[in-house]
Structure formats: structure tokens, C-alpha cells
């Protein structure tokens, strides 16, 4: 039997057709950059304070995510003793209580450490929130129309 003749316009057999838009070559520098998003969870952490509202970013190994690990790494980065922390809050209003809560965190979520109140710092750091400030204006009550 004779082999079928190949049309000159067709590609030779055994070669893959790329189509009208062949894939672009990848940047060789891409392989050199470590992919931290897979290995580490990056969280924004701060201490609850009316004076300071800046966050720092902390990296946690995704293989070792736990409440204790978050507490230890955050306290080390912030320069505080873990025994001073009363609660950990995911902002705006969710308390983190156990390892399962930590496993649900996503990159760049904001976490706040709430420190235990002590007698002296309570008076110094206490600033009433907008809700606690009196809203009654006595001068307005005396006005006549």
C-alpha cells in the first residue's frame, strides 16, 4: 500500500500545532522568586490601643497554624509578653478562640491583640469612644426659637 501524501501546507507529522496565538515564554526570573503565598500566611497585627492604630505584618508557616503559634509570633514581633494578652480579635468584631478559627484566616486579614487591663494603665489609656461621650448639648437646650 502506498502512504498517503502529505499536503505541503500541513505541518509535518509529529509536530504540535500552536494555533494562531502560541503561548508566550515565561520569564526565567519567575522560577527564582520564592512563592511565599503558598508556604506562609501573612497577617496584619496590632495591639488594641486608642493611641496607636498601625499594623505590622507577621508571617506564619501554614503547616504550623495554631492559636498558640499566632500568639507567640505576634507577641514576639510586637515585643510583648504572651501572658499579657487577654483575647485575639479578627477585625472588625470576631474573637479568635481555637485552632480552627486560625485555619480560616486569609492573607492580610487584620488581627488585634487585646491586652489584660491593669490598674495603672487603665486610667492612662482609657479614652471614651464616640458612643460613650455625652451627646447632650446644654446650650442648645436653653435656646428659644
Protein backbone atom coordinates (compact mmCIF):
# COMPACT_ATOMS: atom_id res chain seq x y z
CA UNK A 1 0.00 0.00 0.00
CA UNK A 2 1.15 3.47 -0.69
CA UNK A 3 1.47 6.02 2.09
CA UNK A 4 -0.95 8.94 1.92
CA UNK A 5 0.70 12.02 0.56
CA UNK A 6 1.07 14.96 2.89
CA UNK A 7 -0.11 18.37 1.69
CA UNK A 8 2.69 20.94 1.62
CA UNK A 9 0.55 23.38 3.63
CA UNK A 10 0.19 20.93 6.54
CA UNK A 11 2.81 20.67 9.21
CA UNK A 12 4.98 17.59 9.25
CA UNK A 13 3.58 14.69 11.24
CA UNK A 14 4.58 14.53 14.90
CA UNK A 15 4.73 18.30 15.46
CA UNK A 16 2.13 20.01 17.67
CA UNK A 17 0.16 22.82 16.19
CA UNK A 18 0.41 26.04 18.25
CA UNK A 19 -2.63 27.77 16.81
CA UNK A 20 -2.91 31.48 16.00
CA UNK A 21 -1.78 32.60 19.50
CA UNK A 22 1.15 30.50 20.72
CA UNK A 23 1.82 30.67 24.47
CA UNK A 24 4.33 33.32 25.48
CA UNK A 25 7.57 32.15 27.03
CA UNK A 26 7.71 32.52 30.78
CA UNK A 27 10.15 34.87 32.44
CA UNK A 28 13.13 32.82 33.66
CA UNK A 29 13.25 35.05 36.75
CA UNK A 30 9.82 33.74 37.86
CA UNK A 31 11.30 30.44 39.00
CA UNK A 32 13.93 32.21 41.08
CA UNK A 33 11.34 34.09 43.17
CA UNK A 34 10.05 32.10 46.16
CA UNK A 35 6.29 31.74 46.33
CA UNK A 36 5.53 32.82 49.92
CA UNK A 37 1.77 32.80 49.46
CA UNK A 38 1.71 29.01 49.47
CA UNK A 39 4.09 28.49 52.36
CA UNK A 40 3.20 31.38 54.68
CA UNK A 41 0.11 33.18 55.88
CA UNK A 42 0.69 36.93 56.18
CA UNK A 43 -1.47 38.73 58.76
CA UNK A 44 -1.69 42.36 59.78
CA UNK A 45 -1.40 42.51 63.58
CA UNK A 46 -1.60 45.33 66.13
CA UNK A 47 -2.21 45.91 69.82
CA UNK A 48 -5.58 47.43 70.70
CA UNK A 49 -4.80 51.00 71.69
CA UNK A 50 -6.56 54.35 71.38
CA UNK A 51 -3.16 55.99 70.79
CA UNK A 52 -1.69 53.68 68.15
CA UNK A 53 -3.54 52.15 65.22
CA UNK A 54 -0.68 50.95 62.96
CA UNK A 55 -0.38 47.31 61.97
CA UNK A 56 2.69 45.18 61.42
CA UNK A 57 2.76 42.21 59.07
CA UNK A 58 3.67 38.83 60.52
CA UNK A 59 4.31 35.61 58.64
CA UNK A 60 3.06 32.28 59.94
CA UNK A 61 4.04 28.92 58.50
CA UNK A 62 0.87 27.39 57.03
CA UNK A 63 1.99 23.94 58.19
CA UNK A 64 2.09 25.13 61.82
CA UNK A 65 -1.06 27.28 62.04
CA UNK A 66 -2.43 27.27 65.56
CA UNK A 67 -3.74 29.70 68.14
CA UNK A 68 -0.57 29.33 70.23
CA UNK A 69 1.70 29.88 67.21
CA UNK A 70 -0.20 33.05 66.22
CA UNK A 71 0.03 34.31 69.80
CA UNK A 72 3.77 33.54 70.10
CA UNK A 73 4.79 35.05 66.74
CA UNK A 74 2.62 38.16 67.19
CA UNK A 75 3.89 38.84 70.71
CA UNK A 76 7.49 38.33 69.64
CA UNK A 77 7.09 40.78 66.74
CA UNK A 78 5.28 43.35 68.90
CA UNK A 79 7.65 42.98 71.86
CA UNK A 80 5.07 41.96 74.46
CA UNK A 81 4.67 39.01 76.80
CA UNK A 82 2.04 36.44 75.68
CA UNK A 83 0.76 36.36 79.28
CA UNK A 84 -0.41 39.97 78.83
CA UNK A 85 -2.83 39.04 76.02
CA UNK A 86 -6.43 38.57 77.11
CA UNK A 87 -8.02 37.97 73.66
CA UNK A 88 -7.23 37.91 69.96
CA UNK A 89 -9.76 39.61 67.68
CA UNK A 90 -10.10 39.36 63.91
CA UNK A 91 -11.24 42.83 62.94
CA UNK A 92 -13.81 44.21 62.96
CA UNK A 93 -15.58 42.08 65.57
CA UNK A 94 -14.72 38.36 65.70
CA UNK A 95 -12.89 36.72 68.59
CA UNK A 96 -10.40 34.01 67.68
CA UNK A 97 -10.58 31.22 70.26
CA UNK A 98 -9.19 28.00 68.82
CA UNK A 99 -7.02 26.47 66.11
CA UNK A 100 -9.94 26.05 63.69
CA UNK A 101 -10.53 29.82 63.81
CA UNK A 102 -6.89 30.40 62.87
CA UNK A 103 -7.08 27.96 59.96
CA UNK A 104 -9.88 30.06 58.40
CA UNK A 105 -7.75 33.22 58.26
CA UNK A 106 -6.71 34.55 54.85
CA UNK A 107 -3.72 36.63 53.77
CA UNK A 108 -3.60 40.23 55.01
CA UNK A 109 -6.54 39.92 57.38
CA UNK A 110 -6.36 42.31 60.33
CA UNK A 111 -5.90 40.89 63.81
CA UNK A 112 -5.83 42.80 67.09
CA UNK A 113 -4.35 41.68 70.41
CA UNK A 114 -6.38 42.81 73.41
CA UNK A 115 -4.20 43.16 76.48
CA UNK A 116 -5.31 42.47 80.03
CA UNK A 117 -6.27 45.55 81.97
CA UNK A 118 -4.04 46.62 84.84
CA UNK A 119 -4.96 49.24 87.43
CA UNK A 120 -2.47 51.93 86.35
CA UNK A 121 -2.66 51.53 82.57
CA UNK A 122 -6.46 51.50 82.66
CA UNK A 123 -6.54 55.14 83.80
CA UNK A 124 -3.81 56.28 81.43
CA UNK A 125 -5.02 54.52 78.27
CA UNK A 126 -8.75 54.93 78.74
CA UNK A 127 -10.33 57.20 76.17
CA UNK A 128 -14.10 57.14 75.83
CA UNK A 129 -15.41 56.04 72.46
CA UNK A 130 -17.82 58.14 70.46
CA UNK A 131 -20.74 56.12 71.85
CA UNK A 132 -19.66 56.78 75.46
CA UNK A 133 -19.22 60.55 75.02
CA UNK A 134 -22.21 62.59 76.16
CA UNK A 135 -24.22 63.94 73.26
CA UNK A 136 -26.46 66.28 75.25
CA UNK A 137 -25.76 69.93 74.49
CA UNK A 138 -26.98 72.04 77.43
CA UNK A 139 -26.58 75.31 75.49
CA UNK A 140 -28.89 74.04 72.75
CA UNK A 141 -31.50 73.09 75.35
CA UNK A 142 -31.63 76.68 76.64
CA UNK A 143 -32.14 78.23 73.23
CA UNK A 144 -35.56 79.63 72.43
CA UNK A 145 -36.99 79.87 68.98
